[in-house]
Amino acid sequence: MTRPVVTVVGLGPAGIDLLSARTKVLLEGPQVVLRTRIHPAAAAYPHLESFDELYEQASSFDALYPQIVDALCERALRGPVTYVVPGSPLVAERTVELLRADPRVDLVVEPSLSFLDLAWARLGIDPVATGVRTVDLGDLLADPAAKGPVLVAQTWSNRHLSELKLALFDGARRAPSEVTILHHLGLDDEVVATVALADLDRTVEADHLTSVYVAELASSGEAFGSLMALVERLRRECPWDQEQTHRSLARHLLEEAHEVLDALEDLDPAVPASIEHLEEELGDLMVQACFHAVLAAEEGDFTMVDVLDHVTEKLIYRHPHVFGDGGAQTKEEVATAWEALKATEKQRASVTDGIPGSLPALGLATKLQRKAQAIDLDLGTSEHALERAASALGVLGAAAGASGSVEATSASVGGVGALLLEICLLSQRAGVDPESELRAAARGLRSRIRLAEGVDE
């Protein structure tokens, strides 16, 4: 028994002048129904029915499209149906996919011109040679690893363009400097404009005939993979790199970490050179991490994938207030929960376990004070810390007045340590890092010395 037949035709990308002769003939046949009248060519066929009423009633596209397919299958029982979709039946047409998989009907698809054909012509590119992909906006937003070049469809409003702009600006991708807007291709008011990314949502009034071409779109994952491949090649081909071990690289890791700290201290958002400096130093530090991962992979110990997977799992585990049902609401509650989870994970007897003893003294004191507060150890109020600091300062002053004696030397040593410890606590309460503050003050003193010497900075 022959199954009912649904023939699908497309209205093309613009007006009726871009319809094929075959499509025009089919549009004049019996049982012709439009998916929607919201299309420039649909105005030439005001007598045709549409499914626009279903659009108004449906709660979502996922609910709408099966309803349209059910309606088409029911109509086909009364005779062949011509189903008319915007654009091409073969490009981003979910209802056609559903019809093709539906056993109730046989499907015939008539080729039609697509908006993609006009897009490639306006952009002047060969999509095969360029390797461009066409993606829906929703798919791109859900995929931070998406690569370019891409033509982004379904940018139906300026709100959608704003969402795309924010997605391209996020930290998971290298933001392109400019993009190309394709609007109303094939119509009298056609716009093809290459604009700065910041102006993406301020150039046209977007609608269902608007798309965006992004020529360059690199994800952080893609860039990281390229860096790993480069380090692996250096390890194979560079005599110096071939001689390195985990131990020999240790001092380089420390040096690069200090250079990142220097860049952070010099950072001024108003000075582009300082931002570029930080970017450069972070890259140098990243190379060290990649190098150690390559060495470990050579020994069969672990790979960079293992490193990234492990830290991802750890961050998710330690943030139940983000990824689970943890109830931490403040940064103090987060810190307390973090220490409890870390203790369980590491099976450590003390929160002090795992703190490097080689930390600079101010950093070590500050970290221990934070650990103390995380377990609710009472270090007293800021007023108490000031009193203790004053007492330590008094001891230090008295020792200075009696310099030269064994007792004075012993008292001064204890007084300095006690004073610095209270200064660390007061700094933390004030929301500043004593290590950074002392380094800044030392840098200021260095500048004064150089000025006194007549040496240019």
Protein backbone atom coordinates (compact mmCIF):
# COMPACT_ATOMS: atom_id res chain seq x y z
CA MET A 1 0.00 0.00 0.00
CA THR A 2 1.34 3.40 -1.02
CA ARG A 3 1.94 5.81 1.84
CA PRO A 4 0.73 9.43 1.80
CA VAL A 5 3.19 11.89 0.27
CA VAL A 6 4.47 15.24 1.58
CA THR A 7 6.53 17.34 -0.83
CA VAL A 8 8.67 20.04 0.73
CA VAL A 9 9.66 23.19 -1.13
CA GLY A 10 11.54 26.27 0.03
CA LEU A 11 10.75 29.95 -0.37
CA GLY A 12 14.42 30.72 -0.83
CA PRO A 13 16.38 33.43 0.98
CA ALA A 14 14.48 36.53 -0.15
CA GLY A 15 11.75 37.55 -2.66
CA ILE A 16 9.89 35.58 -5.33
CA ASP A 17 12.52 36.48 -7.95
CA LEU A 18 14.80 33.87 -6.34
CA LEU A 19 12.21 31.05 -6.47
CA SER A 20 12.82 28.26 -8.94
CA ALA A 21 10.34 27.62 -11.72
CA ARG A 22 9.59 24.18 -10.23
CA THR A 23 8.79 25.74 -6.85
CA LYS A 24 6.42 28.30 -8.40
CA VAL A 25 4.49 25.50 -10.11
CA LEU A 26 4.15 23.51 -6.89
CA LEU A 27 2.97 26.59 -4.98
CA GLU A 28 -0.05 26.75 -7.28
CA GLY A 29 -1.08 23.14 -6.61
CA PRO A 30 -3.70 21.71 -4.21
CA GLN A 31 -3.13 21.29 -0.45
CA VAL A 32 -0.28 23.80 -0.12
CA VAL A 33 0.53 25.00 3.39
CA LEU A 34 3.20 27.39 4.65
CA ARG A 35 5.15 26.76 7.81
CA THR A 36 4.96 30.52 8.44
CA ARG A 37 4.03 33.68 6.58
CA ILE A 38 6.99 35.51 8.13
CA HIS A 39 9.06 35.54 4.95
CA PRO A 40 9.39 38.09 2.10
CA ALA A 41 8.24 35.67 -0.64
CA ALA A 42 5.15 34.58 1.32
CA ALA A 43 3.44 37.92 0.63
CA ALA A 44 2.98 36.84 -3.02
CA TYR A 45 0.78 33.93 -1.88
CA PRO A 46 -1.81 35.44 0.47
CA HIS A 47 -4.33 32.67 -0.31
CA LEU A 48 -2.18 29.89 1.20
CA GLU A 49 -2.76 28.51 4.69
CA SER A 50 -0.01 28.56 7.33
CA PHE A 51 0.84 27.08 10.71
CA ASP A 52 1.27 30.50 12.31
CA GLU A 53 -1.61 29.74 14.67
CA LEU A 54 0.36 26.83 16.09
CA TYR A 55 3.30 29.17 16.64
CA GLU A 56 1.12 31.37 18.81
CA GLN A 57 -0.12 28.44 20.89
CA ALA A 58 3.10 26.42 21.33
CA SER A 59 5.17 26.80 24.49
CA SER A 60 8.47 26.10 22.66
CA PHE A 61 9.91 25.12 19.30
CA ASP A 62 10.48 21.60 20.63
CA ALA A 63 6.75 21.34 21.22
CA LEU A 64 5.79 23.15 18.00
CA TYR A 65 7.60 21.11 15.36
CA PRO A 66 6.05 17.70 16.21
CA GLN A 67 2.63 19.39 16.09
CA ILE A 68 3.32 20.64 12.57
CA VAL A 69 4.44 17.17 11.49
CA ASP A 70 1.29 15.59 12.94
CA ALA A 71 -0.87 18.12 11.09
CA LEU A 72 0.95 17.44 7.79
CA CYS A 73 0.57 13.66 8.17
CA GLU A 74 -3.15 14.07 8.79
CA ARG A 75 -3.58 16.31 5.72
CA ALA A 76 -1.62 13.85 3.57
CA LEU A 77 -4.28 11.20 4.22
CA ARG A 78 -6.61 13.33 2.05
CA GLY A 79 -4.09 13.63 -0.81
CA PRO A 80 -0.56 14.83 -1.59
CA VAL A 81 0.55 17.88 0.43
CA THR A 82 3.01 20.58 -0.57
CA TYR A 83 4.72 21.90 2.55
CA VAL A 84 6.46 25.28 2.15
CA VAL A 85 9.33 26.27 4.42
CA PRO A 86 11.45 29.45 4.57
CA GLY A 87 14.80 29.25 2.82
CA SER A 88 15.90 25.76 1.80
CA PRO A 89 14.30 22.54 3.05
CA LEU A 90 17.80 21.13 3.51
CA VAL A 91 19.27 23.84 5.74
CA ALA A 92 18.39 24.14 9.44
CA GLU A 93 14.85 22.81 8.96
CA ARG A 94 13.88 20.67 11.94
CA THR A 95 10.41 19.80 10.65
CA VAL A 96 11.94 18.24 7.53
CA GLU A 97 14.19 16.09 9.72
CA LEU A 98 11.15 14.89 11.66
CA LEU A 99 9.18 14.20 8.46
CA ARG A 100 12.05 12.21 7.01
CA ALA A 101 12.05 9.95 10.08
CA ASP A 102 8.25 9.63 10.26
CA PRO A 103 6.94 6.24 8.97
CA ARG A 104 3.46 7.65 8.26
CA VAL A 105 4.46 9.50 5.09
CA ASP A 106 6.85 9.42 2.16
CA LEU A 107 8.88 12.60 1.84
CA VAL A 108 9.91 14.34 -1.37
CA VAL A 109 12.30 17.31 -1.04
CA GLU A 110 12.59 19.86 -3.84
CA PRO A 111 15.96 21.73 -3.79
CA SER A 112 15.78 25.47 -3.22
CA LEU A 113 18.20 28.36 -2.99
CA SER A 114 19.46 28.86 0.57
CA PHE A 115 20.50 32.00 2.41
CA LEU A 116 23.90 30.30 2.57
CA ASP A 117 24.30 30.63 -1.19
CA LEU A 118 23.80 34.38 -0.96
CA ALA A 119 26.02 34.60 2.12
CA TRP A 120 28.97 32.94 0.38
CA ALA A 121 28.52 35.19 -2.64
CA ARG A 122 28.42 38.37 -0.51
CA LEU A 123 31.37 37.27 1.62
CA GLY A 124 33.34 36.22 -1.43
CA ILE A 125 34.40 32.89 0.04
CA ASP A 126 34.35 29.25 -0.95
CA PRO A 127 32.88 27.47 2.09
CA VAL A 128 34.73 24.25 1.28
CA ALA A 129 38.13 25.88 0.85
CA THR A 130 37.61 28.10 3.87
CA GLY A 131 36.27 25.31 6.09
CA VAL A 132 33.49 27.54 7.39
CA ARG A 133 30.72 25.95 9.47
CA THR A 134 27.14 27.09 9.83
CA VAL A 135 25.84 26.97 13.40
CA ASP A 136 22.71 28.08 15.21
CA LEU A 137 23.25 30.76 17.82
CA GLY A 138 22.05 28.40 20.54
CA ASP A 139 24.59 25.74 19.57
CA LEU A 140 27.43 28.26 19.60
CA LEU A 141 26.43 29.62 23.01
CA ALA A 142 26.41 26.08 24.40
CA ASP A 143 29.84 25.20 22.97
CA PRO A 144 32.73 27.24 24.41
CA ALA A 145 35.15 25.15 22.33
CA ALA A 146 33.59 26.06 18.97
CA LYS A 147 36.16 26.97 16.31
CA GLY A 148 36.00 29.39 13.45
CA PRO A 149 35.33 30.46 10.86
CA VAL A 150 31.59 30.22 11.48
CA LEU A 151 28.40 31.64 10.06
CA VAL A 152 25.99 32.11 12.94
CA ALA A 153 22.31 31.75 12.03
CA GLN A 154 19.17 32.21 14.15
CA THR A 155 20.23 35.68 15.32
CA TRP A 156 16.64 36.84 15.21
CA SER A 157 16.82 39.98 17.35
CA ASN A 158 19.21 42.53 18.77
CA ARG A 159 18.98 40.68 22.07
CA HIS A 160 20.34 37.61 20.28
CA LEU A 161 23.12 39.72 18.79
CA SER A 162 23.97 40.97 22.28
CA GLU A 163 24.14 37.38 23.52
CA LEU A 164 26.48 36.50 20.65
CA LYS A 165 28.69 39.51 21.37
CA LEU A 166 29.02 38.58 25.04
CA ALA A 167 29.78 34.96 24.12
CA LEU A 168 32.56 36.07 21.76
CA PHE A 169 33.98 38.36 24.46
CA ASP A 170 34.09 35.65 27.15
CA GLY A 171 37.34 34.25 28.50
CA ALA A 172 36.93 30.88 26.80
CA ARG A 173 37.64 32.36 23.37
CA ARG A 174 39.92 34.89 21.74
CA ALA A 175 37.51 37.66 20.84
CA PRO A 176 37.56 38.62 17.14
CA SER A 177 38.23 42.31 16.46
CA GLU A 178 35.41 42.46 13.92
CA VAL A 179 32.51 40.47 12.50
CA THR A 180 30.34 40.70 9.38
CA ILE A 181 26.59 41.23 9.63
CA LEU A 182 24.44 39.76 6.82
CA HIS A 183 20.97 41.26 6.89
CA HIS A 184 18.07 40.88 4.41
CA LEU A 185 20.22 39.28 1.73
CA GLY A 186 18.63 39.54 -1.71
CA LEU A 187 16.20 42.30 -0.67
CA ASP A 188 16.25 46.01 -1.51
CA ASP A 189 17.40 46.92 2.01
CA GLU A 190 20.21 44.35 2.10
CA VAL A 191 23.05 45.10 4.54
CA VAL A 192 26.45 43.45 4.46
CA ALA A 193 28.62 45.26 6.98
CA THR A 194 31.90 44.39 8.67
CA VAL A 195 31.86 46.10 12.06
CA ALA A 196 33.79 46.11 15.32
CA LEU A 197 32.58 43.37 17.65
CA ALA A 198 31.46 46.02 20.15
CA ASP A 199 29.01 47.37 17.52
CA LEU A 200 27.48 44.01 16.64
CA ASP A 201 24.12 44.74 18.31
CA ARG A 202 24.03 48.42 17.27
CA THR A 203 24.21 48.23 13.47
CA VAL A 204 20.87 46.81 12.25
CA GLU A 205 17.46 45.89 13.62
CA ALA A 206 17.92 42.14 13.51
CA ASP A 207 15.19 39.72 12.50
CA HIS A 208 14.81 36.20 11.09
CA LEU A 209 16.81 37.25 8.00
CA THR A 210 19.91 38.26 9.94
CA SER A 211 23.07 36.19 10.38
CA VAL A 212 26.66 36.91 11.43
CA TYR A 213 29.95 35.73 9.95
CA VAL A 214 32.89 35.32 12.31
CA ALA A 215 36.08 34.79 10.32
CA GLU A 216 38.31 34.08 13.32
CA LEU A 217 37.13 32.15 16.36
CA ALA A 218 39.70 30.33 18.47
CA SER A 219 38.84 28.66 21.76
CA SER A 220 41.17 28.52 24.75
CA GLY A 221 41.19 24.73 24.39
CA GLU A 222 42.40 24.97 20.80
CA ALA A 223 45.13 27.47 21.75
CA PHE A 224 46.21 25.30 24.68
CA GLY A 225 46.46 22.27 22.42
CA SER A 226 48.69 24.22 20.04
CA LEU A 227 50.97 25.21 22.93
CA MET A 228 51.24 21.61 24.12
CA ALA A 229 52.14 20.49 20.59
CA LEU A 230 54.82 23.17 20.44
CA VAL A 231 56.36 22.14 23.78
CA GLU A 232 56.36 18.49 22.67
CA ARG A 233 58.22 19.45 19.49
CA LEU A 234 60.77 21.48 21.45
CA ARG A 235 61.34 18.46 23.66
CA ARG A 236 62.01 16.31 20.58
CA GLU A 237 64.15 18.73 18.57
CA CYS A 238 65.81 21.32 20.85
CA PRO A 239 69.09 20.17 22.52
CA TRP A 240 68.51 22.36 25.60
CA ASP A 241 64.94 21.17 26.12
CA GLN A 242 66.00 17.55 25.66
CA GLU A 243 68.33 17.83 28.66
CA GLN A 244 65.75 19.15 31.12
CA THR A 245 64.21 17.27 34.05
CA HIS A 246 61.57 18.10 36.62
CA ARG A 247 64.32 19.13 39.02
CA SER A 248 66.31 21.23 36.56
CA LEU A 249 63.17 23.17 35.62
CA ALA A 250 62.31 23.98 39.24
CA ARG A 251 64.22 27.26 39.38
CA HIS A 252 62.72 28.36 36.05
CA LEU A 253 59.23 27.77 37.42
CA LEU A 254 60.05 29.90 40.48
CA GLU A 255 61.53 32.67 38.33
CA GLU A 256 58.50 32.74 36.03
CA ALA A 257 56.14 32.82 39.03
CA HIS A 258 58.00 35.84 40.44
CA GLU A 259 57.84 37.57 37.07
CA VAL A 260 54.06 37.07 37.06
CA LEU A 261 53.94 38.63 40.53
CA ASP A 262 55.95 41.62 39.29
CA ALA A 263 53.57 42.01 36.36
CA LEU A 264 50.58 41.90 38.69
CA GLU A 265 52.09 44.60 40.89
CA ASP A 266 52.75 46.79 37.83
CA LEU A 267 49.26 46.17 36.44
CA ASP A 268 47.32 49.32 35.57
CA PRO A 269 44.15 48.82 33.49
CA ALA A 270 44.70 52.26 32.00
CA VAL A 271 48.16 51.31 30.70
CA PRO A 272 47.95 48.80 27.80
CA ALA A 273 51.65 47.93 28.12
CA SER A 274 51.12 46.64 31.66
CA ILE A 275 48.25 44.42 30.50
CA GLU A 276 50.40 43.06 27.67
CA HIS A 277 53.20 42.42 30.17
CA LEU A 278 50.90 40.34 32.37
CA GLU A 279 49.67 38.41 29.33
CA GLU A 280 53.26 37.63 28.33
CA GLU A 281 54.34 36.51 31.80
CA LEU A 282 51.28 34.28 32.26
CA GLY A 283 52.22 32.60 28.98
CA ASP A 284 55.76 31.97 30.20
CA LEU A 285 54.40 30.44 33.39
CA MET A 286 52.01 28.28 31.38
CA VAL A 287 54.93 26.90 29.37
CA GLN A 288 56.47 25.61 32.59
CA ALA A 289 53.28 23.69 33.45
CA CYS A 290 53.15 22.25 29.94
CA PHE A 291 56.83 21.22 30.09
CA HIS A 292 56.35 19.29 33.34
CA ALA A 293 53.29 17.54 31.87
CA VAL A 294 55.29 16.53 28.78
CA LEU A 295 58.08 15.13 30.97
CA ALA A 296 55.55 13.16 33.02
CA ALA A 297 53.91 11.78 29.89
CA GLU A 298 57.27 10.56 28.62
CA GLU A 299 57.70 8.57 31.84
CA GLY A 300 54.15 7.24 31.66
CA ASP A 301 53.21 8.99 34.91
CA PHE A 302 50.40 11.28 33.73
CA THR A 303 49.43 13.55 30.84
CA MET A 304 48.16 17.11 30.61
CA VAL A 305 44.66 15.67 30.09
CA ASP A 306 45.02 13.94 33.47
CA VAL A 307 46.16 17.21 35.04
CA LEU A 308 43.21 19.16 33.64
CA ASP A 309 40.68 16.45 34.44
CA HIS A 310 41.95 16.19 38.00
CA VAL A 311 41.83 19.91 38.71
CA THR A 312 38.38 20.16 37.10
CA GLU A 313 37.03 17.38 39.31
CA LYS A 314 38.65 18.98 42.36
CA LEU A 315 37.14 22.40 41.69
CA ILE A 316 33.68 20.93 41.18
CA TYR A 317 34.00 18.87 44.37
CA ARG A 318 35.11 21.90 46.40
CA HIS A 319 32.31 24.13 45.13
CA PRO A 320 29.11 22.29 46.14
CA HIS A 321 27.41 25.68 46.53
CA VAL A 322 27.84 26.10 42.75
CA PHE A 323 27.63 22.57 41.36
CA GLY A 324 25.60 20.82 44.06
CA ASP A 325 23.29 21.56 46.95
CA GLY A 326 25.86 23.17 49.27
CA GLY A 327 24.43 26.03 51.29
CA ALA A 328 27.41 28.41 51.57
CA GLN A 329 26.26 31.97 50.96
CA THR A 330 29.18 34.15 52.08
CA LYS A 331 32.89 34.02 51.33
CA GLU A 332 33.53 33.08 54.97
CA GLU A 333 31.15 30.12 54.73
CA VAL A 334 32.77 29.12 51.43
CA ALA A 335 36.24 29.21 53.04
CA THR A 336 35.09 27.07 55.99
CA ALA A 337 33.41 24.52 53.71
CA TRP A 338 36.49 24.49 51.46
CA GLU A 339 38.78 23.55 54.36
CA ALA A 340 36.42 20.80 55.52
CA LEU A 341 36.18 19.31 52.03
CA LYS A 342 39.93 19.59 51.53
CA ALA A 343 40.62 17.83 54.84
CA THR A 344 38.29 14.98 53.85
CA GLU A 345 39.75 14.75 50.35
CA LYS A 346 43.40 14.83 51.45
CA GLN A 347 42.80 12.91 54.71
CA ARG A 348 45.00 15.41 56.52
CA ALA A 349 45.13 15.61 60.28
CA SER A 350 45.55 19.40 60.26
CA VAL A 351 44.60 22.29 58.00
CA THR A 352 48.25 23.30 58.18
CA ASP A 353 49.34 20.13 56.41
CA GLY A 354 50.39 20.84 52.85
CA ILE A 355 51.34 24.49 53.43
CA PRO A 356 54.83 24.89 51.90
CA GLY A 357 57.38 25.76 54.54
CA SER A 358 59.38 27.58 51.85
CA LEU A 359 56.76 30.32 51.54
CA PRO A 360 58.04 33.83 52.28
CA ALA A 361 57.55 34.53 56.00
CA LEU A 362 54.82 37.14 55.59
CA GLY A 363 52.94 34.91 53.17
CA LEU A 364 53.33 31.94 55.50
CA ALA A 365 52.00 33.89 58.49
CA THR A 366 49.05 35.25 56.52
CA LYS A 367 48.12 31.80 55.18
CA LEU A 368 48.28 30.26 58.67
CA GLN A 369 46.08 33.03 60.04
CA ARG A 370 43.53 32.34 57.33
CA LYS A 371 43.61 28.64 58.18
CA ALA A 372 43.09 29.51 61.85
CA GLN A 373 40.01 31.55 61.02
CA ALA A 374 38.70 28.81 58.74
CA ILE A 375 38.50 26.45 61.76
CA ASP A 376 37.10 29.26 63.96
CA LEU A 377 40.23 29.59 66.07
CA ASP A 378 39.82 32.86 67.99
CA LEU A 379 42.63 35.25 67.14
CA GLY A 380 40.89 38.12 68.88
CA THR A 381 39.47 41.34 67.50
CA SER A 382 41.42 43.96 65.58
CA GLU A 383 41.58 45.96 68.81
CA HIS A 384 43.22 42.99 70.51
CA ALA A 385 45.70 42.70 67.65
CA LEU A 386 46.54 46.40 67.97
CA GLU A 387 47.14 45.96 71.70
CA ARG A 388 49.41 42.99 71.08
CA ALA A 389 51.26 44.91 68.36
CA ALA A 390 51.77 47.85 70.71
CA SER A 391 53.08 45.49 73.39
CA ALA A 392 55.50 43.87 70.93
CA LEU A 393 56.59 47.31 69.75
CA GLY A 394 57.21 48.30 73.35
CA VAL A 395 59.36 45.23 73.89
CA LEU A 396 61.28 46.03 70.71
CA GLY A 397 61.78 49.64 71.80
CA ALA A 398 63.02 48.63 75.20
CA ALA A 399 65.46 46.20 73.60
CA ALA A 400 66.75 48.93 71.31
CA GLY A 401 67.39 51.12 74.36
CA ALA A 402 69.46 48.39 75.97
CA SER A 403 71.28 47.30 72.85
CA GLY A 404 74.32 45.17 73.22
CA SER A 405 73.13 42.85 75.97
CA VAL A 406 72.21 39.21 75.49
CA GLU A 407 68.80 39.90 77.04
CA ALA A 408 68.17 42.79 74.64
CA THR A 409 69.06 40.69 71.62
CA SER A 410 66.74 37.88 72.72
CA ALA A 411 63.89 40.29 73.43
CA SER A 412 64.28 42.11 70.10
CA VAL A 413 64.11 38.86 68.17
CA GLY A 414 60.88 37.82 69.88
CA GLY A 415 59.46 41.32 69.66
CA VAL A 416 60.02 41.61 65.90
CA GLY A 417 58.36 38.28 65.22
CA ALA A 418 55.36 39.05 67.43
CA LEU A 419 54.99 42.52 65.89
CA LEU A 420 55.10 41.20 62.31
CA LEU A 421 52.57 38.50 63.15
CA GLU A 422 50.10 41.07 64.44
CA ILE A 423 50.75 43.30 61.43
CA CYS A 424 49.89 40.36 59.17
CA LEU A 425 46.63 39.83 61.03
CA LEU A 426 45.70 43.53 60.93
CA SER A 427 46.53 43.67 57.21
CA GLN A 428 44.30 40.71 56.52
CA ARG A 429 41.46 42.28 58.51
CA ALA A 430 41.92 45.43 56.43
CA GLY A 431 41.66 43.40 53.24
CA VAL A 432 45.25 43.90 52.09
CA ASP A 433 48.07 41.43 51.48
CA PRO A 434 51.07 42.28 53.69
CA GLU A 435 53.49 40.56 51.32
CA SER A 436 52.34 42.72 48.41
CA GLU A 437 52.25 45.84 50.56
CA LEU A 438 55.80 45.31 51.84
CA ARG A 439 57.03 44.61 48.31
CA ALA A 440 55.38 47.84 47.10
CA ALA A 441 56.97 49.80 49.94
CA ALA A 442 60.34 48.22 49.16
CA ARG A 443 59.96 49.18 45.51
CA GLY A 444 59.25 52.72 46.64
CA LEU A 445 62.40 52.71 48.74
CA ARG A 446 64.39 51.39 45.80
CA SER A 447 63.11 54.30 43.69
CA ARG A 448 64.18 56.76 46.40
CA ILE A 449 67.65 55.21 46.52
CA ARG A 450 68.04 55.41 42.75
CA LEU A 451 66.83 59.01 42.80
CA ALA A 452 69.39 59.85 45.48
CA GLU A 453 72.05 58.21 43.34
CA GLY A 454 70.91 60.14 40.28
CA VAL A 455 70.07 56.92 38.42
CA ASP A 456 67.11 57.02 36.02
CA GLU A 457 64.25 54.59 36.65
